[in-house]
Amino acid sequence: MTNGELIKGVYDAFATGDVPAVLGAFDENISWTEAAGFMYAGTYEGPQAVLENVFMRLGTEWEGFAAVPEKIVDGGDGNVIATGTYSGKFNQTGKTTKVPFAHEWEIRDGKVVRFRQHTDTLMIHRDLGL
């Protein structure tokens, strides 16, 4: 399996709610960074921290949240870039957003060791009325 295929599998598992499969692709020391200005901004270390600070919040604070990649580029050196679109309704305000994202993934020995999110946080805040 290529690194690009691994990351496509992560998005596919996330889309179906298979969080154990997503977490299973992560190295035990994964460093996961949500963009400054995003509601979950920060860097989380380890799968449990990502689960608690990102995934559980996405699952409870949103209705129909989706991160759909449109392009996955495998650099062949352990680095994968995915671009796509976030969408969903934020329960707190009842408003929706649809905004592009770019994700940086770093893979080592078949496991994700680093993730960095890039998105238009201003657009998200405006769309959601935050």
C-alpha atoms as a PDB file:
ATOM      1  CA  MET A   1       0.000   0.000   0.000  1.00  0.00           C
ATOM      2  CA  THR A   2       1.321   3.429  -0.922  1.00  0.00           C
ATOM      3  CA  ASN A   3       1.223   6.355   1.483  1.00  0.00           C
ATOM      4  CA  GLY A   4      -1.419   8.003  -0.700  1.00  0.00           C
ATOM      5  CA  GLU A   5      -3.588   4.881  -0.450  1.00  0.00           C
ATOM      6  CA  LEU A   6      -3.123   4.860   3.337  1.00  0.00           C
ATOM      7  CA  ILE A   7      -4.379   8.451   3.571  1.00  0.00           C
ATOM      8  CA  LYS A   8      -7.298   7.767   1.208  1.00  0.00           C
ATOM      9  CA  GLY A   9      -8.215   4.912   3.560  1.00  0.00           C
ATOM     10  CA  VAL A  10      -8.116   7.295   6.544  1.00  0.00           C
ATOM     11  CA  TYR A  11     -10.573   9.667   4.837  1.00  0.00           C
ATOM     12  CA  ASP A  12     -12.808   6.755   3.778  1.00  0.00           C
ATOM     13  CA  ALA A  13     -12.874   5.371   7.337  1.00  0.00           C
ATOM     14  CA  PHE A  14     -13.607   8.823   8.782  1.00  0.00           C
ATOM     15  CA  ALA A  15     -16.487   9.269   6.308  1.00  0.00           C
ATOM     16  CA  THR A  16     -18.125   6.047   7.491  1.00  0.00           C
ATOM     17  CA  GLY A  17     -17.545   6.760  11.182  1.00  0.00           C
ATOM     18  CA  ASP A  18     -14.933   4.018  11.579  1.00  0.00           C
ATOM     19  CA  VAL A  19     -12.879   5.941  14.129  1.00  0.00           C
ATOM     20  CA  PRO A  20     -10.964   2.835  15.331  1.00  0.00           C
ATOM     21  CA  ALA A  21      -9.656   2.360  11.760  1.00  0.00           C
ATOM     22  CA  VAL A  22      -8.636   6.034  11.595  1.00  0.00           C
ATOM     23  CA  LEU A  23      -6.831   5.851  14.932  1.00  0.00           C
ATOM     24  CA  GLY A  24      -5.235   2.563  13.872  1.00  0.00           C
ATOM     25  CA  ALA A  25      -3.417   4.394  11.066  1.00  0.00           C
ATOM     26  CA  PHE A  26      -1.765   6.723  13.591  1.00  0.00           C
ATOM     27  CA  ASP A  27       1.636   6.260  15.186  1.00  0.00           C
ATOM     28  CA  GLU A  28       1.455   6.187  18.989  1.00  0.00           C
ATOM     29  CA  ASN A  29       3.346   9.499  19.029  1.00  0.00           C
ATOM     30  CA  ILE A  30       1.394  11.290  16.287  1.00  0.00           C
ATOM     31  CA  SER A  31       1.548  15.085  16.370  1.00  0.00           C
ATOM     32  CA  TRP A  32      -1.786  16.501  15.138  1.00  0.00           C
ATOM     33  CA  THR A  33      -2.059  20.267  14.552  1.00  0.00           C
ATOM     34  CA  GLU A  34      -5.356  22.085  13.994  1.00  0.00           C
ATOM     35  CA  ALA A  35      -4.928  25.544  12.426  1.00  0.00           C
ATOM     36  CA  ALA A  36      -4.630  28.679  14.554  1.00  0.00           C
ATOM     37  CA  GLY A  37      -8.006  30.396  14.551  1.00  0.00           C
ATOM     38  CA  PHE A  38      -9.893  27.117  14.105  1.00  0.00           C
ATOM     39  CA  MET A  39     -12.266  26.211  16.937  1.00  0.00           C
ATOM     40  CA  TYR A  40     -10.094  23.214  17.897  1.00  0.00           C
ATOM     41  CA  ALA A  41      -6.754  24.989  17.346  1.00  0.00           C
ATOM     42  CA  GLY A  42      -3.700  23.438  18.908  1.00  0.00           C
ATOM     43  CA  THR A  43      -1.299  20.543  18.648  1.00  0.00           C
ATOM     44  CA  TYR A  44      -2.341  17.218  20.128  1.00  0.00           C
ATOM     45  CA  GLU A  45       0.115  14.430  20.879  1.00  0.00           C
ATOM     46  CA  GLY A  46      -0.984  10.805  20.552  1.00  0.00           C
ATOM     47  CA  PRO A  47      -4.143   9.173  19.170  1.00  0.00           C
ATOM     48  CA  GLN A  48      -6.111   9.540  22.422  1.00  0.00           C
ATOM     49  CA  ALA A  49      -5.544  13.311  22.461  1.00  0.00           C
ATOM     50  CA  VAL A  50      -6.715  13.563  18.825  1.00  0.00           C
ATOM     51  CA  LEU A  51      -9.777  11.478  19.650  1.00  0.00           C
ATOM     52  CA  GLU A  52     -10.736  13.580  22.681  1.00  0.00           C
ATOM     53  CA  ASN A  53      -9.871  17.066  21.395  1.00  0.00           C
ATOM     54  CA  VAL A  54     -10.879  16.767  17.748  1.00  0.00           C
ATOM     55  CA  PHE A  55     -12.884  13.714  16.705  1.00  0.00           C
ATOM     56  CA  MET A  56     -15.226  13.529  19.697  1.00  0.00           C
ATOM     57  CA  ARG A  57     -15.961  17.242  19.378  1.00  0.00           C
ATOM     58  CA  LEU A  58     -16.625  16.938  15.651  1.00  0.00           C
ATOM     59  CA  GLY A  59     -18.995  14.084  16.403  1.00  0.00           C
ATOM     60  CA  THR A  60     -20.951  15.900  19.123  1.00  0.00           C
ATOM     61  CA  GLU A  61     -20.748  19.578  18.146  1.00  0.00           C
ATOM     62  CA  TRP A  62     -21.618  19.141  14.460  1.00  0.00           C
ATOM     63  CA  GLU A  63     -24.375  17.589  12.400  1.00  0.00           C
ATOM     64  CA  GLY A  64     -23.148  15.919   9.239  1.00  0.00           C
ATOM     65  CA  PHE A  65     -19.554  17.122   9.496  1.00  0.00           C
ATOM     66  CA  ALA A  66     -17.525  15.892   6.522  1.00  0.00           C
ATOM     67  CA  ALA A  67     -13.949  16.267   5.318  1.00  0.00           C
ATOM     68  CA  VAL A  68     -14.019  15.193   1.677  1.00  0.00           C
ATOM     69  CA  PRO A  69     -10.726  15.094  -0.208  1.00  0.00           C
ATOM     70  CA  GLU A  70     -10.811  16.022  -3.877  1.00  0.00           C
ATOM     71  CA  LYS A  71      -7.110  15.443  -4.521  1.00  0.00           C
ATOM     72  CA  ILE A  72      -4.487  13.370  -2.728  1.00  0.00           C
ATOM     73  CA  VAL A  73      -0.876  13.878  -3.803  1.00  0.00           C
ATOM     74  CA  ASP A  74       1.675  11.292  -2.680  1.00  0.00           C
ATOM     75  CA  GLY A  75       5.108  12.881  -2.680  1.00  0.00           C
ATOM     76  CA  GLY A  76       6.733   9.448  -2.562  1.00  0.00           C
ATOM     77  CA  ASP A  77       8.900  10.477   0.378  1.00  0.00           C
ATOM     78  CA  GLY A  78       6.506   9.899   3.271  1.00  0.00           C
ATOM     79  CA  ASN A  79       4.678  13.160   2.662  1.00  0.00           C
ATOM     80  CA  VAL A  80       1.119  13.333   1.363  1.00  0.00           C
ATOM     81  CA  ILE A  81      -0.960  16.442   0.679  1.00  0.00           C
ATOM     82  CA  ALA A  82      -4.739  16.296   0.482  1.00  0.00           C
ATOM     83  CA  THR A  83      -6.993  19.117  -0.647  1.00  0.00           C
ATOM     84  CA  GLY A  84     -10.729  19.076  -0.321  1.00  0.00           C
ATOM     85  CA  THR A  85     -13.771  20.547   1.368  1.00  0.00           C
ATOM     86  CA  TYR A  86     -15.137  20.640   4.910  1.00  0.00           C
ATOM     87  CA  SER A  87     -18.902  20.891   5.325  1.00  0.00           C
ATOM     88  CA  GLY A  88     -21.473  20.530   8.051  1.00  0.00           C
ATOM     89  CA  LYS A  89     -23.861  22.250  10.417  1.00  0.00           C
ATOM     90  CA  PHE A  90     -22.492  23.596  13.707  1.00  0.00           C
ATOM     91  CA  ASN A  91     -25.007  22.724  16.418  1.00  0.00           C
ATOM     92  CA  GLN A  92     -24.260  25.751  18.618  1.00  0.00           C
ATOM     93  CA  THR A  93     -25.470  28.222  15.972  1.00  0.00           C
ATOM     94  CA  GLY A  94     -27.466  25.982  13.632  1.00  0.00           C
ATOM     95  CA  LYS A  95     -25.502  27.424  10.706  1.00  0.00           C
ATOM     96  CA  THR A  96     -23.574  25.591   8.014  1.00  0.00           C
ATOM     97  CA  THR A  97     -20.223  26.000   6.331  1.00  0.00           C
ATOM     98  CA  LYS A  98     -18.524  24.695   3.232  1.00  0.00           C
ATOM     99  CA  VAL A  99     -14.851  25.636   3.098  1.00  0.00           C
ATOM    100  CA  PRO A 100     -11.720  24.305   1.391  1.00  0.00           C
ATOM    101  CA  PHE A 101      -8.909  22.630   3.290  1.00  0.00           C
ATOM    102  CA  ALA A 102      -5.360  21.459   2.714  1.00  0.00           C
ATOM    103  CA  HIS A 103      -3.922  18.724   4.927  1.00  0.00           C
ATOM    104  CA  GLU A 104      -0.271  17.786   5.300  1.00  0.00           C
ATOM    105  CA  TRP A 105       0.345  14.166   6.279  1.00  0.00           C
ATOM    106  CA  GLU A 106       3.710  12.642   7.183  1.00  0.00           C
ATOM    107  CA  ILE A 107       3.992   8.860   7.194  1.00  0.00           C
ATOM    108  CA  ARG A 108       6.803   6.766   8.600  1.00  0.00           C
ATOM    109  CA  ASP A 109       6.882   2.958   8.636  1.00  0.00           C
ATOM    110  CA  GLY A 110       3.264   2.780   7.466  1.00  0.00           C
ATOM    111  CA  LYS A 111       1.866   5.017  10.242  1.00  0.00           C
ATOM    112  CA  VAL A 112       0.868   8.685  10.309  1.00  0.00           C
ATOM    113  CA  VAL A 113       3.369  10.550  12.498  1.00  0.00           C
ATOM    114  CA  ARG A 114       2.303  14.128  11.756  1.00  0.00           C
ATOM    115  CA  PHE A 115      -0.771  16.003  10.515  1.00  0.00           C
ATOM    116  CA  ARG A 116      -1.191  19.732   9.860  1.00  0.00           C
ATOM    117  CA  GLN A 117      -4.457  21.420   8.922  1.00  0.00           C
ATOM    118  CA  HIS A 118      -4.771  24.514   6.729  1.00  0.00           C
ATOM    119  CA  THR A 119      -8.175  26.138   6.173  1.00  0.00           C
ATOM    120  CA  ASP A 120      -9.864  29.529   5.968  1.00  0.00           C
ATOM    121  CA  THR A 121     -10.778  29.991   9.625  1.00  0.00           C
ATOM    122  CA  LEU A 122     -12.212  33.458   9.009  1.00  0.00           C
ATOM    123  CA  MET A 123     -14.683  32.030   6.499  1.00  0.00           C
ATOM    124  CA  ILE A 124     -15.685  29.316   8.960  1.00  0.00           C
ATOM    125  CA  HIS A 125     -16.286  31.857  11.744  1.00  0.00           C
ATOM    126  CA  ARG A 126     -18.340  34.085   9.445  1.00  0.00           C
ATOM    127  CA  ASP A 127     -20.391  31.172   8.057  1.00  0.00           C
ATOM    128  CA  LEU A 128     -21.135  29.828  11.539  1.00  0.00           C
ATOM    129  CA  GLY A 129     -21.852  33.199  13.126  1.00  0.00           C
ATOM    130  CA  LEU A 130     -19.087  32.886  15.709  1.00  0.00           C
END
